[in-house]
Amino acid sequence: MKYETGLVQRIKAIFDPSLELQEKEMFGGYCFLHNRHMCIGVIGNSLLARIGPEHYTKSLAKNYVKQFDFVGRPMADVVCVEAELIESDEELKHWLDMSFAFVESLPAKVSPSEKVA
């Protein structure tokens, strides 16, 4: 699946440039990672937001928000936000901030080169 490059550029413009984010094609789209954890992604013209279990159920009650179901297995802390709900940069920033706050609370993953056998 292709992703909307305009949405990727909007995300890059909103995120603080001093944040250490990695960018990677994942899930057939484009994702931003922090400390090796997926934070935000773009699939088609929709936003994947890793918001954590605390905000998950409440977010699913909103129009234009649905479960992110990758190969038949919904992820319990990631929602798919349709384009209609992120038309303004303020709306988009709300989801980015919520996602970054959740991912920032997770322990950093060890890179494969740092793992000890």
C-alpha atoms as a PDB file:
ATOM      1  CA  MET A   1       0.000   0.000   0.000  1.00  0.00           C
ATOM      2  CA  LYS A   2       1.285   3.439  -0.830  1.00  0.00           C
ATOM      3  CA  TYR A   3       1.344   6.351   1.564  1.00  0.00           C
ATOM      4  CA  GLU A   4       0.495  10.013   1.225  1.00  0.00           C
ATOM      5  CA  THR A   5       3.840  11.834   1.028  1.00  0.00           C
ATOM      6  CA  GLY A   6       2.129  15.145   1.794  1.00  0.00           C
ATOM      7  CA  LEU A   7       1.050  13.791   5.189  1.00  0.00           C
ATOM      8  CA  VAL A   8       4.596  12.564   5.850  1.00  0.00           C
ATOM      9  CA  GLN A   9       5.880  16.081   5.114  1.00  0.00           C
ATOM     10  CA  ARG A  10       3.270  17.634   7.429  1.00  0.00           C
ATOM     11  CA  ILE A  11       4.413  15.301  10.227  1.00  0.00           C
ATOM     12  CA  LYS A  12       8.063  16.221   9.640  1.00  0.00           C
ATOM     13  CA  ALA A  13       7.166  19.915   9.792  1.00  0.00           C
ATOM     14  CA  ILE A  14       5.295  19.517  13.099  1.00  0.00           C
ATOM     15  CA  PHE A  15       7.693  17.237  14.969  1.00  0.00           C
ATOM     16  CA  ASP A  16      10.430  19.051  16.880  1.00  0.00           C
ATOM     17  CA  PRO A  17      13.592  18.664  14.748  1.00  0.00           C
ATOM     18  CA  SER A  18      15.683  18.062  17.883  1.00  0.00           C
ATOM     19  CA  LEU A  19      13.827  14.799  18.599  1.00  0.00           C
ATOM     20  CA  GLU A  20      15.739  11.672  17.724  1.00  0.00           C
ATOM     21  CA  LEU A  21      13.370   9.961  15.311  1.00  0.00           C
ATOM     22  CA  GLN A  22      14.116   7.209  12.867  1.00  0.00           C
ATOM     23  CA  GLU A  23      12.143   6.884   9.647  1.00  0.00           C
ATOM     24  CA  LYS A  24      11.312   3.548   8.090  1.00  0.00           C
ATOM     25  CA  GLU A  25       8.919   1.983   5.615  1.00  0.00           C
ATOM     26  CA  MET A  26       6.726  -0.433   7.606  1.00  0.00           C
ATOM     27  CA  PHE A  27       3.246  -1.971   7.343  1.00  0.00           C
ATOM     28  CA  GLY A  28       3.151  -1.000   3.673  1.00  0.00           C
ATOM     29  CA  GLY A  29       3.466   2.643   4.705  1.00  0.00           C
ATOM     30  CA  TYR A  30       5.922   5.067   6.270  1.00  0.00           C
ATOM     31  CA  CYS A  31       6.649   5.191  10.009  1.00  0.00           C
ATOM     32  CA  PHE A  32       8.487   7.332  12.508  1.00  0.00           C
ATOM     33  CA  LEU A  33      10.180   5.526  15.391  1.00  0.00           C
ATOM     34  CA  HIS A  34      11.601   6.775  18.676  1.00  0.00           C
ATOM     35  CA  ASN A  35      14.004   4.595  20.686  1.00  0.00           C
ATOM     36  CA  ARG A  36      13.272   1.832  18.148  1.00  0.00           C
ATOM     37  CA  HIS A  37       9.526   1.906  18.960  1.00  0.00           C
ATOM     38  CA  MET A  38       6.983   2.711  16.251  1.00  0.00           C
ATOM     39  CA  CYS A  39       5.390   6.048  17.166  1.00  0.00           C
ATOM     40  CA  ILE A  40       3.499   7.458  14.169  1.00  0.00           C
ATOM     41  CA  GLY A  41       2.894   6.128  10.697  1.00  0.00           C
ATOM     42  CA  VAL A  42       1.156   6.892   7.442  1.00  0.00           C
ATOM     43  CA  ILE A  43      -0.735   4.305   5.409  1.00  0.00           C
ATOM     44  CA  GLY A  44      -2.567   5.673   2.414  1.00  0.00           C
ATOM     45  CA  ASN A  45      -3.884   9.034   3.614  1.00  0.00           C
ATOM     46  CA  SER A  46      -4.510   7.783   7.165  1.00  0.00           C
ATOM     47  CA  LEU A  47      -2.396   8.264  10.260  1.00  0.00           C
ATOM     48  CA  LEU A  48      -1.298   5.383  12.481  1.00  0.00           C
ATOM     49  CA  ALA A  49      -1.033   6.680  16.021  1.00  0.00           C
ATOM     50  CA  ARG A  50       0.501   4.579  18.796  1.00  0.00           C
ATOM     51  CA  ILE A  51      -1.369   6.120  21.694  1.00  0.00           C
ATOM     52  CA  GLY A  52      -1.181   3.383  24.311  1.00  0.00           C
ATOM     53  CA  PRO A  53      -3.920   1.457  26.091  1.00  0.00           C
ATOM     54  CA  GLU A  54      -4.900   4.428  28.293  1.00  0.00           C
ATOM     55  CA  HIS A  55      -6.273   6.418  25.311  1.00  0.00           C
ATOM     56  CA  TYR A  56      -7.160   3.497  23.022  1.00  0.00           C
ATOM     57  CA  THR A  57     -10.825   2.807  23.881  1.00  0.00           C
ATOM     58  CA  LYS A  58     -11.736   6.482  24.226  1.00  0.00           C
ATOM     59  CA  SER A  59     -10.169   7.238  20.838  1.00  0.00           C
ATOM     60  CA  LEU A  60     -12.029   4.405  19.112  1.00  0.00           C
ATOM     61  CA  ALA A  61     -15.319   6.044  20.141  1.00  0.00           C
ATOM     62  CA  LYS A  62     -14.518   9.023  17.882  1.00  0.00           C
ATOM     63  CA  ASN A  63     -15.657   9.295  14.278  1.00  0.00           C
ATOM     64  CA  TYR A  64     -12.900   8.553  11.755  1.00  0.00           C
ATOM     65  CA  VAL A  65     -10.845   6.501  14.238  1.00  0.00           C
ATOM     66  CA  LYS A  66     -10.639   2.720  13.957  1.00  0.00           C
ATOM     67  CA  GLN A  67      -8.534  -0.205  15.081  1.00  0.00           C
ATOM     68  CA  PHE A  68      -5.295  -0.744  13.242  1.00  0.00           C
ATOM     69  CA  ASP A  69      -5.562  -4.338  12.121  1.00  0.00           C
ATOM     70  CA  PHE A  70      -2.353  -5.585  10.538  1.00  0.00           C
ATOM     71  CA  VAL A  71      -2.761  -9.026   8.916  1.00  0.00           C
ATOM     72  CA  GLY A  72      -5.820  -9.888  11.001  1.00  0.00           C
ATOM     73  CA  ARG A  73      -4.348  -8.990  14.397  1.00  0.00           C
ATOM     74  CA  PRO A  74      -5.461  -5.666  15.869  1.00  0.00           C
ATOM     75  CA  MET A  75      -2.790  -3.833  17.827  1.00  0.00           C
ATOM     76  CA  ALA A  76      -4.134  -2.816  21.255  1.00  0.00           C
ATOM     77  CA  ASP A  77      -2.287   0.499  21.396  1.00  0.00           C
ATOM     78  CA  VAL A  78      -2.394   1.713  17.773  1.00  0.00           C
ATOM     79  CA  VAL A  79      -5.325   3.408  16.059  1.00  0.00           C
ATOM     80  CA  CYS A  80      -5.866   4.404  12.461  1.00  0.00           C
ATOM     81  CA  VAL A  81      -6.993   8.024  12.145  1.00  0.00           C
ATOM     82  CA  GLU A  82      -8.653   8.806   8.834  1.00  0.00           C
ATOM     83  CA  ALA A  83      -7.785  11.952   6.871  1.00  0.00           C
ATOM     84  CA  GLU A  84     -11.040  13.721   7.809  1.00  0.00           C
ATOM     85  CA  LEU A  85      -9.909  13.975  11.444  1.00  0.00           C
ATOM     86  CA  ILE A  86      -6.434  15.386  10.746  1.00  0.00           C
ATOM     87  CA  GLU A  87      -7.204  18.092   8.219  1.00  0.00           C
ATOM     88  CA  SER A  88      -5.719  20.875  10.366  1.00  0.00           C
ATOM     89  CA  ASP A  89      -2.175  20.908  11.706  1.00  0.00           C
ATOM     90  CA  GLU A  90      -3.627  21.429  15.205  1.00  0.00           C
ATOM     91  CA  GLU A  91      -5.600  18.171  14.928  1.00  0.00           C
ATOM     92  CA  LEU A  92      -2.567  16.348  13.555  1.00  0.00           C
ATOM     93  CA  LYS A  93      -0.330  17.728  16.319  1.00  0.00           C
ATOM     94  CA  HIS A  94      -2.764  16.418  18.950  1.00  0.00           C
ATOM     95  CA  TRP A  95      -2.247  12.845  17.700  1.00  0.00           C
ATOM     96  CA  LEU A  96       1.506  13.300  17.305  1.00  0.00           C
ATOM     97  CA  ASP A  97       1.848  14.627  20.861  1.00  0.00           C
ATOM     98  CA  MET A  98      -0.240  11.807  22.322  1.00  0.00           C
ATOM     99  CA  SER A  99       1.757   9.188  20.402  1.00  0.00           C
ATOM    100  CA  PHE A 100       5.140  10.631  21.281  1.00  0.00           C
ATOM    101  CA  ALA A 101       4.206  10.886  24.975  1.00  0.00           C
ATOM    102  CA  PHE A 102       3.251   7.196  25.026  1.00  0.00           C
ATOM    103  CA  VAL A 103       6.335   5.987  23.168  1.00  0.00           C
ATOM    104  CA  GLU A 104       8.569   8.194  25.315  1.00  0.00           C
ATOM    105  CA  SER A 105       7.235   6.312  28.371  1.00  0.00           C
ATOM    106  CA  LEU A 106       8.430   2.956  26.989  1.00  0.00           C
ATOM    107  CA  PRO A 107      11.892   1.596  27.801  1.00  0.00           C
ATOM    108  CA  ALA A 108      14.367   2.007  24.948  1.00  0.00           C
ATOM    109  CA  LYS A 109      14.860  -1.108  22.862  1.00  0.00           C
ATOM    110  CA  VAL A 110      18.373  -2.490  22.568  1.00  0.00           C
ATOM    111  CA  SER A 111      19.726  -2.476  19.028  1.00  0.00           C
ATOM    112  CA  PRO A 112      20.621  -5.886  17.540  1.00  0.00           C
ATOM    113  CA  SER A 113      24.334  -4.985  17.657  1.00  0.00           C
ATOM    114  CA  GLU A 114      24.101  -4.303  21.409  1.00  0.00           C
ATOM    115  CA  LYS A 115      22.469  -7.613  22.330  1.00  0.00           C
ATOM    116  CA  VAL A 116      24.662 -10.111  24.120  1.00  0.00           C
ATOM    117  CA  ALA A 117      24.255 -13.759  23.156  1.00  0.00           C
END
